[in-house]
């Protein structure tokens, strides 16, 4: 009997709660607000990133060239096509040093010592006839020791002899870009340091990884006709540190030297967005230092990488001090949750 008397009371209270009513006895139960409506009205803000194309103010470039008996053609090609690299530097206002050492660590007169031509141990902005001087530096002959040790030569040149025989070449505020040219694999072993120690050395050589590269113009793992063994030791360093790999048997030396010049100057084709975009809304233009503005089209002129949250020009390279202006609609669900910086790669520091 007790249960039958309570049921009407319970239902009355529930009804009052559901209706949020005011009872005759003065009892009121407010309606509870349990949240926002679904879906919410998200805003769709727009973002404009203005990113400056900058260069490395100074860079030191070291070529490590095989001077064993099979390298005459490669030395000639390197010297002949050097202007493709030098074009990036001339008239740029950049402060550069370009030096050359051999892979011969057996001859104490070579062994990591910069080649001297006409009293100069490296090419810099003050060098007269720089193409001719560099060509003489790389035309070192083919009587060098047969057991090539390019990695040991590079380390000796920029570290062990940096304050003695090669004094002045390596500067603490400059980038360091090393290129090995050899038709044989490296035989440096663990002297003076191992390959892994060399990788650590280069990885910590400067405050930014972007300021250091190690490029390999060597035999590829797929093989090259008329050369020795693939340069896997060099290629491993390039893979770890960053740089260009190029088959030494290629006839296209102009392209690789052009790319080496591009890397050394610190210019970039890739620019990072500060927020996640709605990809179809991205608009890209470049404002040149003289104020001229150029519009660029997606896919044909530039591409977007969702992994790196960046746009990359396909072929175009903005001039130094040009402004890359990127406008886009922010992807609302991620707005404010991620910050990717403005113009510098997360992994490039």
C-alpha atoms as a PDB file:
ATOM      1  CA  UNK A   1       0.000   0.000   0.000  1.00  0.00           C
ATOM      2  CA  UNK A   2       2.877   2.374   0.716  1.00  0.00           C
ATOM      3  CA  UNK A   3       4.221   1.857  -2.789  1.00  0.00           C
ATOM      4  CA  UNK A   4       0.893   2.773  -4.397  1.00  0.00           C
ATOM      5  CA  UNK A   5       0.649   6.016  -2.469  1.00  0.00           C
ATOM      6  CA  UNK A   6       4.220   7.153  -3.381  1.00  0.00           C
ATOM      7  CA  UNK A   7       4.055   6.575  -7.124  1.00  0.00           C
ATOM      8  CA  UNK A   8       1.762   9.554  -7.897  1.00  0.00           C
ATOM      9  CA  UNK A   9       4.034  11.841  -5.871  1.00  0.00           C
ATOM     10  CA  UNK A  10       7.149  10.668  -7.699  1.00  0.00           C
ATOM     11  CA  UNK A  11       5.586  11.184 -11.106  1.00  0.00           C
ATOM     12  CA  UNK A  12       4.420  14.639 -10.075  1.00  0.00           C
ATOM     13  CA  UNK A  13       7.976  15.679  -9.071  1.00  0.00           C
ATOM     14  CA  UNK A  14       9.410  14.300 -12.295  1.00  0.00           C
ATOM     15  CA  UNK A  15       6.834  16.130 -14.301  1.00  0.00           C
ATOM     16  CA  UNK A  16       7.651  19.380 -12.498  1.00  0.00           C
ATOM     17  CA  UNK A  17      11.370  18.866 -13.193  1.00  0.00           C
ATOM     18  CA  UNK A  18      10.765  18.194 -16.835  1.00  0.00           C
ATOM     19  CA  UNK A  19       8.563  21.250 -17.273  1.00  0.00           C
ATOM     20  CA  UNK A  20      10.607  23.541 -15.051  1.00  0.00           C
ATOM     21  CA  UNK A  21       7.305  24.761 -13.520  1.00  0.00           C
ATOM     22  CA  UNK A  22       6.494  26.806 -10.450  1.00  0.00           C
ATOM     23  CA  UNK A  23       4.342  24.922  -7.957  1.00  0.00           C
ATOM     24  CA  UNK A  24       1.493  26.371  -5.931  1.00  0.00           C
ATOM     25  CA  UNK A  25       3.561  25.740  -2.826  1.00  0.00           C
ATOM     26  CA  UNK A  26       6.357  28.066  -3.999  1.00  0.00           C
ATOM     27  CA  UNK A  27       8.744  25.257  -5.040  1.00  0.00           C
ATOM     28  CA  UNK A  28      10.558  25.997  -8.329  1.00  0.00           C
ATOM     29  CA  UNK A  29      13.014  23.757 -10.237  1.00  0.00           C
ATOM     30  CA  UNK A  30      15.171  25.550 -12.847  1.00  0.00           C
ATOM     31  CA  UNK A  31      15.811  24.097 -16.301  1.00  0.00           C
ATOM     32  CA  UNK A  32      19.436  22.966 -16.490  1.00  0.00           C
ATOM     33  CA  UNK A  33      21.530  24.076 -19.506  1.00  0.00           C
ATOM     34  CA  UNK A  34      23.470  20.965 -20.440  1.00  0.00           C
ATOM     35  CA  UNK A  35      25.677  22.422 -23.231  1.00  0.00           C
ATOM     36  CA  UNK A  36      25.895  24.078 -26.605  1.00  0.00           C
ATOM     37  CA  UNK A  37      23.863  23.050 -29.614  1.00  0.00           C
ATOM     38  CA  UNK A  38      25.381  20.559 -32.032  1.00  0.00           C
ATOM     39  CA  UNK A  39      26.688  21.435 -34.551  1.00  0.00           C
ATOM     40  CA  UNK A  40      28.268  24.647 -33.256  1.00  0.00           C
ATOM     41  CA  UNK A  41      28.744  27.717 -35.422  1.00  0.00           C
ATOM     42  CA  UNK A  42      32.515  27.608 -36.038  1.00  0.00           C
ATOM     43  CA  UNK A  43      34.243  30.722 -37.295  1.00  0.00           C
ATOM     44  CA  UNK A  44      36.329  30.548 -40.454  1.00  0.00           C
ATOM     45  CA  UNK A  45      39.200  33.000 -39.901  1.00  0.00           C
ATOM     46  CA  UNK A  46      41.734  33.873 -42.563  1.00  0.00           C
ATOM     47  CA  UNK A  47      45.492  33.978 -42.065  1.00  0.00           C
ATOM     48  CA  UNK A  48      48.220  35.837 -43.925  1.00  0.00           C
ATOM     49  CA  UNK A  49      51.847  34.708 -43.522  1.00  0.00           C
ATOM     50  CA  UNK A  50      54.503  37.042 -44.872  1.00  0.00           C
ATOM     51  CA  UNK A  51      57.808  35.168 -44.996  1.00  0.00           C
ATOM     52  CA  UNK A  52      61.187  36.653 -45.895  1.00  0.00           C
ATOM     53  CA  UNK A  53      63.573  34.849 -48.209  1.00  0.00           C
ATOM     54  CA  UNK A  54      66.892  35.032 -46.423  1.00  0.00           C
ATOM     55  CA  UNK A  55      70.366  33.791 -47.195  1.00  0.00           C
ATOM     56  CA  UNK A  56      73.232  32.652 -45.053  1.00  0.00           C
ATOM     57  CA  UNK A  57      75.423  35.777 -44.705  1.00  0.00           C
ATOM     58  CA  UNK A  58      78.606  33.705 -44.999  1.00  0.00           C
ATOM     59  CA  UNK A  59      79.454  30.139 -45.962  1.00  0.00           C
ATOM     60  CA  UNK A  60      82.511  27.936 -46.198  1.00  0.00           C
ATOM     61  CA  UNK A  61      82.455  25.414 -49.038  1.00  0.00           C
ATOM     62  CA  UNK A  62      84.910  22.517 -49.124  1.00  0.00           C
ATOM     63  CA  UNK A  63      85.418  20.203 -52.095  1.00  0.00           C
ATOM     64  CA  UNK A  64      87.114  16.882 -51.354  1.00  0.00           C
ATOM     65  CA  UNK A  65      88.360  15.611 -54.712  1.00  0.00           C
ATOM     66  CA  UNK A  66      89.683  12.152 -55.525  1.00  0.00           C
ATOM     67  CA  UNK A  67      93.121  12.471 -57.150  1.00  0.00           C
ATOM     68  CA  UNK A  68      93.749   8.784 -57.840  1.00  0.00           C
ATOM     69  CA  UNK A  69      94.614   7.434 -61.275  1.00  0.00           C
ATOM     70  CA  UNK A  70      91.053   7.219 -62.681  1.00  0.00           C
ATOM     71  CA  UNK A  71      89.823  10.745 -61.965  1.00  0.00           C
ATOM     72  CA  UNK A  72      91.126  12.977 -64.766  1.00  0.00           C
ATOM     73  CA  UNK A  73      87.787  13.341 -66.591  1.00  0.00           C
ATOM     74  CA  UNK A  74      85.852  14.023 -63.401  1.00  0.00           C
ATOM     75  CA  UNK A  75      88.314  16.693 -62.278  1.00  0.00           C
ATOM     76  CA  UNK A  76      88.002  18.362 -65.682  1.00  0.00           C
ATOM     77  CA  UNK A  77      84.190  18.281 -65.540  1.00  0.00           C
ATOM     78  CA  UNK A  78      84.153  19.755 -62.038  1.00  0.00           C
ATOM     79  CA  UNK A  79      86.400  22.649 -63.023  1.00  0.00           C
ATOM     80  CA  UNK A  80      84.653  23.341 -66.331  1.00  0.00           C
ATOM     81  CA  UNK A  81      81.175  23.490 -64.805  1.00  0.00           C
ATOM     82  CA  UNK A  82      82.116  25.415 -61.664  1.00  0.00           C
ATOM     83  CA  UNK A  83      80.574  28.677 -63.030  1.00  0.00           C
ATOM     84  CA  UNK A  84      77.102  27.118 -62.562  1.00  0.00           C
ATOM     85  CA  UNK A  85      77.770  27.098 -58.820  1.00  0.00           C
ATOM     86  CA  UNK A  86      79.648  30.379 -58.696  1.00  0.00           C
ATOM     87  CA  UNK A  87      76.730  32.203 -60.332  1.00  0.00           C
ATOM     88  CA  UNK A  88      74.787  31.857 -57.072  1.00  0.00           C
ATOM     89  CA  UNK A  89      77.521  33.774 -55.230  1.00  0.00           C
ATOM     90  CA  UNK A  90      78.712  36.475 -57.616  1.00  0.00           C
ATOM     91  CA  UNK A  91      77.008  39.798 -57.022  1.00  0.00           C
ATOM     92  CA  UNK A  92      74.957  38.351 -54.143  1.00  0.00           C
ATOM     93  CA  UNK A  93      76.788  40.185 -51.384  1.00  0.00           C
ATOM     94  CA  UNK A  94      77.445  36.851 -49.689  1.00  0.00           C
ATOM     95  CA  UNK A  95      80.751  36.223 -47.954  1.00  0.00           C
ATOM     96  CA  UNK A  96      82.046  32.869 -49.172  1.00  0.00           C
ATOM     97  CA  UNK A  97      85.153  30.706 -48.960  1.00  0.00           C
ATOM     98  CA  UNK A  98      85.541  27.849 -51.468  1.00  0.00           C
ATOM     99  CA  UNK A  99      88.473  25.504 -50.894  1.00  0.00           C
ATOM    100  CA  UNK A 100      89.711  22.159 -52.206  1.00  0.00           C
ATOM    101  CA  UNK A 101      91.516  19.208 -50.633  1.00  0.00           C
ATOM    102  CA  UNK A 102      92.393  15.788 -52.056  1.00  0.00           C
ATOM    103  CA  UNK A 103      91.426  12.330 -50.803  1.00  0.00           C
ATOM    104  CA  UNK A 104      95.134  11.503 -50.329  1.00  0.00           C
ATOM    105  CA  UNK A 105      95.838  11.141 -46.622  1.00  0.00           C
ATOM    106  CA  UNK A 106      99.121   9.303 -47.243  1.00  0.00           C
ATOM    107  CA  UNK A 107     101.076  12.298 -48.548  1.00  0.00           C
ATOM    108  CA  UNK A 108     101.773  14.659 -45.617  1.00  0.00           C
ATOM    109  CA  UNK A 109     101.905  17.612 -48.025  1.00  0.00           C
ATOM    110  CA  UNK A 110      98.254  16.934 -48.924  1.00  0.00           C
ATOM    111  CA  UNK A 111      96.495  15.123 -46.012  1.00  0.00           C
ATOM    112  CA  UNK A 112      93.663  17.626 -45.428  1.00  0.00           C
ATOM    113  CA  UNK A 113      95.651  20.690 -46.476  1.00  0.00           C
ATOM    114  CA  UNK A 114      93.894  23.178 -48.732  1.00  0.00           C
ATOM    115  CA  UNK A 115      95.263  23.415 -52.267  1.00  0.00           C
ATOM    116  CA  UNK A 116      97.134  26.666 -52.862  1.00  0.00           C
ATOM    117  CA  UNK A 117      97.000  28.363 -56.279  1.00  0.00           C
ATOM    118  CA  UNK A 118      98.640  31.709 -57.026  1.00  0.00           C
ATOM    119  CA  UNK A 119      99.100  32.278 -53.305  1.00  0.00           C
ATOM    120  CA  UNK A 120      95.411  31.672 -52.523  1.00  0.00           C
ATOM    121  CA  UNK A 121      94.184  28.738 -50.449  1.00  0.00           C
ATOM    122  CA  UNK A 122      90.528  29.393 -51.219  1.00  0.00           C
ATOM    123  CA  UNK A 123      88.291  31.379 -53.553  1.00  0.00           C
ATOM    124  CA  UNK A 124      86.432  34.328 -52.006  1.00  0.00           C
ATOM    125  CA  UNK A 125      84.669  37.507 -53.231  1.00  0.00           C
ATOM    126  CA  UNK A 126      88.043  39.247 -53.679  1.00  0.00           C
ATOM    127  CA  UNK A 127      89.531  36.519 -55.885  1.00  0.00           C
ATOM    128  CA  UNK A 128      90.361  37.653 -59.413  1.00  0.00           C
ATOM    129  CA  UNK A 129      89.336  35.185 -62.132  1.00  0.00           C
ATOM    130  CA  UNK A 130      87.722  32.828 -59.577  1.00  0.00           C
ATOM    131  CA  UNK A 131      86.704  30.275 -62.245  1.00  0.00           C
ATOM    132  CA  UNK A 132      90.311  29.910 -63.368  1.00  0.00           C
ATOM    133  CA  UNK A 133      91.640  29.668 -59.808  1.00  0.00           C
ATOM    134  CA  UNK A 134      89.133  27.001 -58.817  1.00  0.00           C
ATOM    135  CA  UNK A 135      89.807  25.048 -62.005  1.00  0.00           C
ATOM    136  CA  UNK A 136      93.512  24.987 -61.128  1.00  0.00           C
ATOM    137  CA  UNK A 137      92.719  23.855 -57.607  1.00  0.00           C
ATOM    138  CA  UNK A 138      90.710  20.818 -58.739  1.00  0.00           C
ATOM    139  CA  UNK A 139      93.099  19.912 -61.563  1.00  0.00           C
ATOM    140  CA  UNK A 140      95.407  18.258 -59.047  1.00  0.00           C
ATOM    141  CA  UNK A 141      96.482  15.332 -61.196  1.00  0.00           C
ATOM    142  CA  UNK A 142      95.921  11.611 -60.793  1.00  0.00           C
ATOM    143  CA  UNK A 143      99.003  10.481 -58.887  1.00  0.00           C
ATOM    144  CA  UNK A 144      97.350  10.531 -55.477  1.00  0.00           C
ATOM    145  CA  UNK A 145      97.324   7.560 -53.122  1.00  0.00           C
ATOM    146  CA  UNK A 146      95.086   4.743 -54.330  1.00  0.00           C
ATOM    147  CA  UNK A 147      93.411   4.222 -50.921  1.00  0.00           C
ATOM    148  CA  UNK A 148      91.028   7.206 -50.919  1.00  0.00           C
ATOM    149  CA  UNK A 149      90.041   8.679 -47.552  1.00  0.00           C
ATOM    150  CA  UNK A 150      87.685  11.541 -48.289  1.00  0.00           C
ATOM    151  CA  UNK A 151      85.913  11.639 -44.950  1.00  0.00           C
ATOM    152  CA  UNK A 152      89.214  11.740 -43.043  1.00  0.00           C
ATOM    153  CA  UNK A 153      90.450  14.505 -45.362  1.00  0.00           C
ATOM    154  CA  UNK A 154      87.317  16.586 -44.728  1.00  0.00           C
ATOM    155  CA  UNK A 155      87.524  16.227 -40.949  1.00  0.00           C
ATOM    156  CA  UNK A 156      91.240  17.014 -40.929  1.00  0.00           C
ATOM    157  CA  UNK A 157      90.721  20.083 -43.103  1.00  0.00           C
ATOM    158  CA  UNK A 158      87.957  21.710 -41.065  1.00  0.00           C
ATOM    159  CA  UNK A 159      88.916  20.578 -37.570  1.00  0.00           C
ATOM    160  CA  UNK A 160      92.443  19.261 -37.023  1.00  0.00           C
ATOM    161  CA  UNK A 161      94.109  21.839 -39.293  1.00  0.00           C
ATOM    162  CA  UNK A 162      91.563  24.623 -38.845  1.00  0.00           C
ATOM    163  CA  UNK A 163      93.864  26.631 -36.593  1.00  0.00           C
ATOM    164  CA  UNK A 164      97.152  25.816 -38.331  1.00  0.00           C
ATOM    165  CA  UNK A 165      97.680  25.032 -42.018  1.00  0.00           C
ATOM    166  CA  UNK A 166      94.094  25.959 -42.986  1.00  0.00           C
ATOM    167  CA  UNK A 167      93.777  28.866 -40.585  1.00  0.00           C
ATOM    168  CA  UNK A 168      91.123  31.380 -41.612  1.00  0.00           C
ATOM    169  CA  UNK A 169      89.164  29.087 -43.905  1.00  0.00           C
ATOM    170  CA  UNK A 170      86.623  27.887 -41.327  1.00  0.00           C
ATOM    171  CA  UNK A 171      84.710  30.707 -39.650  1.00  0.00           C
ATOM    172  CA  UNK A 172      82.499  30.199 -36.581  1.00  0.00           C
ATOM    173  CA  UNK A 173      79.638  32.277 -37.988  1.00  0.00           C
ATOM    174  CA  UNK A 174      79.606  30.637 -41.445  1.00  0.00           C
ATOM    175  CA  UNK A 175      77.773  27.654 -42.851  1.00  0.00           C
ATOM    176  CA  UNK A 176      79.775  24.566 -43.780  1.00  0.00           C
ATOM    177  CA  UNK A 177      79.039  22.717 -47.012  1.00  0.00           C
ATOM    178  CA  UNK A 178      81.217  19.751 -47.975  1.00  0.00           C
ATOM    179  CA  UNK A 179      81.128  17.934 -51.316  1.00  0.00           C
ATOM    180  CA  UNK A 180      83.059  14.739 -51.995  1.00  0.00           C
ATOM    181  CA  UNK A 181      83.870  13.815 -55.598  1.00  0.00           C
ATOM    182  CA  UNK A 182      85.187  10.262 -55.899  1.00  0.00           C
ATOM    183  CA  UNK A 183      84.773   7.128 -58.000  1.00  0.00           C
ATOM    184  CA  UNK A 184      85.689   4.838 -55.086  1.00  0.00           C
ATOM    185  CA  UNK A 185      84.193   4.177 -51.674  1.00  0.00           C
ATOM    186  CA  UNK A 186      85.673   5.804 -48.587  1.00  0.00           C
ATOM    187  CA  UNK A 187      88.468   3.962 -46.783  1.00  0.00           C
ATOM    188  CA  UNK A 188      88.823   6.252 -43.780  1.00  0.00           C
ATOM    189  CA  UNK A 189      87.722   3.602 -41.284  1.00  0.00           C
ATOM    190  CA  UNK A 190      87.876   4.913 -37.712  1.00  0.00           C
ATOM    191  CA  UNK A 191      90.811   7.275 -38.187  1.00  0.00           C
ATOM    192  CA  UNK A 192      90.834   9.994 -37.073  1.00  0.00           C
ATOM    193  CA  UNK A 193      87.177   9.420 -36.131  1.00  0.00           C
ATOM    194  CA  UNK A 194      84.567   6.860 -37.133  1.00  0.00           C
ATOM    195  CA  UNK A 195      81.755   7.487 -39.592  1.00  0.00           C
ATOM    196  CA  UNK A 196      79.164   7.792 -36.817  1.00  0.00           C
ATOM    197  CA  UNK A 197      81.404  10.177 -34.880  1.00  0.00           C
ATOM    198  CA  UNK A 198      81.831  12.237 -38.051  1.00  0.00           C
ATOM    199  CA  UNK A 199      78.062  12.408 -38.501  1.00  0.00           C
ATOM    200  CA  UNK A 200      77.669  13.621 -34.902  1.00  0.00           C
ATOM    201  CA  UNK A 201      80.459  16.131 -35.474  1.00  0.00           C
ATOM    202  CA  UNK A 202      78.735  17.650 -38.503  1.00  0.00           C
ATOM    203  CA  UNK A 203      75.274  17.504 -36.925  1.00  0.00           C
ATOM    204  CA  UNK A 204      76.503  19.697 -34.081  1.00  0.00           C
ATOM    205  CA  UNK A 205      78.925  21.814 -36.094  1.00  0.00           C
ATOM    206  CA  UNK A 206      76.600  24.828 -36.205  1.00  0.00           C
ATOM    207  CA  UNK A 207      73.541  26.043 -34.293  1.00  0.00           C
ATOM    208  CA  UNK A 208      71.274  25.140 -37.218  1.00  0.00           C
ATOM    209  CA  UNK A 209      71.297  21.917 -39.230  1.00  0.00           C
ATOM    210  CA  UNK A 210      70.410  24.009 -42.270  1.00  0.00           C
ATOM    211  CA  UNK A 211      73.894  25.562 -42.132  1.00  0.00           C
ATOM    212  CA  UNK A 212      75.654  22.228 -42.693  1.00  0.00           C
ATOM    213  CA  UNK A 213      75.510  19.787 -45.593  1.00  0.00           C
ATOM    214  CA  UNK A 214      77.544  16.878 -46.925  1.00  0.00           C
ATOM    215  CA  UNK A 215      77.010  16.105 -50.605  1.00  0.00           C
ATOM    216  CA  UNK A 216      78.256  13.047 -52.464  1.00  0.00           C
ATOM    217  CA  UNK A 217      79.148  12.949 -56.159  1.00  0.00           C
ATOM    218  CA  UNK A 218      80.070   9.290 -56.095  1.00  0.00           C
ATOM    219  CA  UNK A 219      79.210   5.887 -57.480  1.00  0.00           C
ATOM    220  CA  UNK A 220      75.538   5.115 -56.790  1.00  0.00           C
ATOM    221  CA  UNK A 221      74.439   1.851 -55.191  1.00  0.00           C
ATOM    222  CA  UNK A 222      72.935   0.809 -58.539  1.00  0.00           C
ATOM    223  CA  UNK A 223      76.379   1.050 -60.077  1.00  0.00           C
ATOM    224  CA  UNK A 224      78.057   3.188 -62.712  1.00  0.00           C
ATOM    225  CA  UNK A 225      79.979   1.946 -65.748  1.00  0.00           C
ATOM    226  CA  UNK A 226      83.755   2.304 -65.700  1.00  0.00           C
ATOM    227  CA  UNK A 227      84.053   3.271 -62.031  1.00  0.00           C
ATOM    228  CA  UNK A 228      85.103   1.516 -58.860  1.00  0.00           C
ATOM    229  CA  UNK A 229      82.871   0.627 -55.944  1.00  0.00           C
ATOM    230  CA  UNK A 230      79.701   2.526 -54.957  1.00  0.00           C
ATOM    231  CA  UNK A 231      80.336   5.321 -52.466  1.00  0.00           C
ATOM    232  CA  UNK A 232      78.091   3.907 -49.747  1.00  0.00           C
ATOM    233  CA  UNK A 233      80.171   5.355 -46.894  1.00  0.00           C
ATOM    234  CA  UNK A 234      79.744   8.847 -48.301  1.00  0.00           C
ATOM    235  CA  UNK A 235      76.085   8.293 -49.150  1.00  0.00           C
ATOM    236  CA  UNK A 236      75.378   7.249 -45.548  1.00  0.00           C
ATOM    237  CA  UNK A 237      76.799  10.538 -44.286  1.00  0.00           C
ATOM    238  CA  UNK A 238      74.701  12.501 -46.783  1.00  0.00           C
ATOM    239  CA  UNK A 239      71.579  10.618 -45.717  1.00  0.00           C
ATOM    240  CA  UNK A 240      72.234  11.472 -42.065  1.00  0.00           C
ATOM    241  CA  UNK A 241      73.433  15.073 -42.399  1.00  0.00           C
ATOM    242  CA  UNK A 242      71.656  16.263 -45.544  1.00  0.00           C
ATOM    243  CA  UNK A 243      72.950  17.250 -48.949  1.00  0.00           C
ATOM    244  CA  UNK A 244      72.876  16.214 -52.601  1.00  0.00           C
ATOM    245  CA  UNK A 245      73.672  12.793 -54.011  1.00  0.00           C
ATOM    246  CA  UNK A 246      74.703  12.576 -57.653  1.00  0.00           C
ATOM    247  CA  UNK A 247      76.111   9.741 -59.786  1.00  0.00           C
ATOM    248  CA  UNK A 248      79.694  10.494 -60.724  1.00  0.00           C
ATOM    249  CA  UNK A 249      79.168   8.858 -64.108  1.00  0.00           C
ATOM    250  CA  UNK A 250      76.543  11.461 -65.063  1.00  0.00           C
ATOM    251  CA  UNK A 251      77.352  13.820 -67.904  1.00  0.00           C
ATOM    252  CA  UNK A 252      75.244  16.566 -66.308  1.00  0.00           C
ATOM    253  CA  UNK A 253      77.684  18.378 -64.040  1.00  0.00           C
ATOM    254  CA  UNK A 254      76.044  21.751 -64.562  1.00  0.00           C
ATOM    255  CA  UNK A 255      72.858  20.696 -62.752  1.00  0.00           C
ATOM    256  CA  UNK A 256      74.598  19.291 -59.690  1.00  0.00           C
ATOM    257  CA  UNK A 257      76.860  22.323 -59.280  1.00  0.00           C
ATOM    258  CA  UNK A 258      73.828  24.568 -59.687  1.00  0.00           C
ATOM    259  CA  UNK A 259      72.114  22.690 -56.860  1.00  0.00           C
ATOM    260  CA  UNK A 260      75.228  22.835 -54.674  1.00  0.00           C
ATOM    261  CA  UNK A 261      75.313  26.609 -55.094  1.00  0.00           C
ATOM    262  CA  UNK A 262      71.647  26.836 -54.187  1.00  0.00           C
ATOM    263  CA  UNK A 263      72.179  24.893 -50.939  1.00  0.00           C
ATOM    264  CA  UNK A 264      75.273  26.837 -49.943  1.00  0.00           C
ATOM    265  CA  UNK A 265      73.637  30.245 -50.262  1.00  0.00           C
ATOM    266  CA  UNK A 266      70.947  29.265 -47.773  1.00  0.00           C
ATOM    267  CA  UNK A 267      68.102  30.049 -50.187  1.00  0.00           C
ATOM    268  CA  UNK A 268      64.993  27.900 -50.007  1.00  0.00           C
ATOM    269  CA  UNK A 269      62.010  26.960 -52.151  1.00  0.00           C
ATOM    270  CA  UNK A 270      59.983  25.785 -49.135  1.00  0.00           C
ATOM    271  CA  UNK A 271      58.028  28.081 -46.799  1.00  0.00           C
ATOM    272  CA  UNK A 272      56.155  26.991 -43.677  1.00  0.00           C
ATOM    273  CA  UNK A 273      52.639  28.101 -42.743  1.00  0.00           C
ATOM    274  CA  UNK A 274      51.866  29.264 -39.206  1.00  0.00           C
ATOM    275  CA  UNK A 275      48.481  27.511 -39.063  1.00  0.00           C
ATOM    276  CA  UNK A 276      46.722  24.610 -40.748  1.00  0.00           C
ATOM    277  CA  UNK A 277      45.017  25.783 -43.964  1.00  0.00           C
ATOM    278  CA  UNK A 278      41.978  24.839 -45.956  1.00  0.00           C
ATOM    279  CA  UNK A 279      44.167  23.786 -48.858  1.00  0.00           C
ATOM    280  CA  UNK A 280      41.883  24.944 -51.662  1.00  0.00           C
ATOM    281  CA  UNK A 281      41.944  28.503 -50.280  1.00  0.00           C
ATOM    282  CA  UNK A 282      45.724  29.004 -50.331  1.00  0.00           C
ATOM    283  CA  UNK A 283      46.895  31.979 -52.382  1.00  0.00           C
ATOM    284  CA  UNK A 284      50.599  32.588 -52.986  1.00  0.00           C
ATOM    285  CA  UNK A 285      52.360  35.648 -54.298  1.00  0.00           C
ATOM    286  CA  UNK A 286      55.920  36.929 -54.107  1.00  0.00           C
ATOM    287  CA  UNK A 287      56.843  40.569 -53.576  1.00  0.00           C
ATOM    288  CA  UNK A 288      60.294  41.251 -55.001  1.00  0.00           C
ATOM    289  CA  UNK A 289      62.696  43.648 -53.226  1.00  0.00           C
ATOM    290  CA  UNK A 290      61.802  46.332 -55.807  1.00  0.00           C
ATOM    291  CA  UNK A 291      58.100  46.009 -54.925  1.00  0.00           C
ATOM    292  CA  UNK A 292      57.045  44.027 -57.992  1.00  0.00           C
ATOM    293  CA  UNK A 293      54.408  41.418 -57.158  1.00  0.00           C
ATOM    294  CA  UNK A 294      53.953  38.021 -58.826  1.00  0.00           C
ATOM    295  CA  UNK A 295      51.057  35.595 -58.416  1.00  0.00           C
ATOM    296  CA  UNK A 296      51.723  31.846 -58.407  1.00  0.00           C
ATOM    297  CA  UNK A 297      49.329  29.022 -59.198  1.00  0.00           C
ATOM    298  CA  UNK A 298      48.872  25.770 -57.240  1.00  0.00           C
ATOM    299  CA  UNK A 299      50.237  22.508 -58.661  1.00  0.00           C
ATOM    300  CA  UNK A 300      51.968  24.146 -61.612  1.00  0.00           C
ATOM    301  CA  UNK A 301      53.969  26.761 -59.653  1.00  0.00           C
ATOM    302  CA  UNK A 302      53.859  25.397 -56.093  1.00  0.00           C
ATOM    303  CA  UNK A 303      52.656  22.404 -54.097  1.00  0.00           C
ATOM    304  CA  UNK A 304      51.375  22.016 -50.541  1.00  0.00           C
ATOM    305  CA  UNK A 305      52.674  19.397 -48.101  1.00  0.00           C
ATOM    306  CA  UNK A 306      50.262  18.437 -45.342  1.00  0.00           C
ATOM    307  CA  UNK A 307      52.965  16.540 -43.471  1.00  0.00           C
ATOM    308  CA  UNK A 308      55.305  19.548 -43.327  1.00  0.00           C
ATOM    309  CA  UNK A 309      52.525  22.188 -43.441  1.00  0.00           C
ATOM    310  CA  UNK A 310      54.433  24.077 -46.104  1.00  0.00           C
ATOM    311  CA  UNK A 311      54.251  25.278 -49.672  1.00  0.00           C
ATOM    312  CA  UNK A 312      57.175  24.551 -51.986  1.00  0.00           C
ATOM    313  CA  UNK A 313      57.854  26.220 -55.306  1.00  0.00           C
ATOM    314  CA  UNK A 314      58.319  23.703 -58.109  1.00  0.00           C
ATOM    315  CA  UNK A 315      61.159  25.496 -59.900  1.00  0.00           C
ATOM    316  CA  UNK A 316      61.069  29.140 -58.878  1.00  0.00           C
ATOM    317  CA  UNK A 317      63.472  30.414 -56.204  1.00  0.00           C
ATOM    318  CA  UNK A 318      62.518  33.744 -54.587  1.00  0.00           C
ATOM    319  CA  UNK A 319      65.314  36.306 -54.634  1.00  0.00           C
ATOM    320  CA  UNK A 320      67.085  37.229 -51.393  1.00  0.00           C
ATOM    321  CA  UNK A 321      64.930  39.594 -49.293  1.00  0.00           C
ATOM    322  CA  UNK A 322      61.829  38.842 -51.378  1.00  0.00           C
ATOM    323  CA  UNK A 323      58.611  38.459 -49.353  1.00  0.00           C
ATOM    324  CA  UNK A 324      56.519  35.318 -49.870  1.00  0.00           C
ATOM    325  CA  UNK A 325      52.932  36.269 -49.053  1.00  0.00           C
ATOM    326  CA  UNK A 326      50.628  33.306 -48.305  1.00  0.00           C
ATOM    327  CA  UNK A 327      46.922  33.827 -47.588  1.00  0.00           C
ATOM    328  CA  UNK A 328      44.533  31.041 -46.625  1.00  0.00           C
ATOM    329  CA  UNK A 329      41.467  30.114 -44.639  1.00  0.00           C
ATOM    330  CA  UNK A 330      42.364  28.508 -41.335  1.00  0.00           C
ATOM    331  CA  UNK A 331      41.103  24.994 -40.790  1.00  0.00           C
ATOM    332  CA  UNK A 332      38.659  25.847 -37.973  1.00  0.00           C
ATOM    333  CA  UNK A 333      38.847  22.611 -36.026  1.00  0.00           C
ATOM    334  CA  UNK A 334      42.588  23.102 -35.539  1.00  0.00           C
ATOM    335  CA  UNK A 335      42.688  26.879 -35.180  1.00  0.00           C
ATOM    336  CA  UNK A 336      44.781  27.754 -32.150  1.00  0.00           C
ATOM    337  CA  UNK A 337      45.689  24.155 -31.361  1.00  0.00           C
ATOM    338  CA  UNK A 338      48.907  24.012 -33.335  1.00  0.00           C
ATOM    339  CA  UNK A 339      51.662  26.503 -33.953  1.00  0.00           C
ATOM    340  CA  UNK A 340      54.120  25.695 -36.692  1.00  0.00           C
ATOM    341  CA  UNK A 341      56.094  28.956 -36.570  1.00  0.00           C
ATOM    342  CA  UNK A 342      56.511  31.252 -39.541  1.00  0.00           C
ATOM    343  CA  UNK A 343      59.021  30.463 -42.209  1.00  0.00           C
ATOM    344  CA  UNK A 344      61.476  28.068 -40.607  1.00  0.00           C
ATOM    345  CA  UNK A 345      61.295  24.318 -40.806  1.00  0.00           C
ATOM    346  CA  UNK A 346      60.606  22.492 -37.533  1.00  0.00           C
ATOM    347  CA  UNK A 347      63.525  20.139 -38.158  1.00  0.00           C
ATOM    348  CA  UNK A 348      65.892  22.645 -39.685  1.00  0.00           C
ATOM    349  CA  UNK A 349      66.182  24.732 -36.550  1.00  0.00           C
END
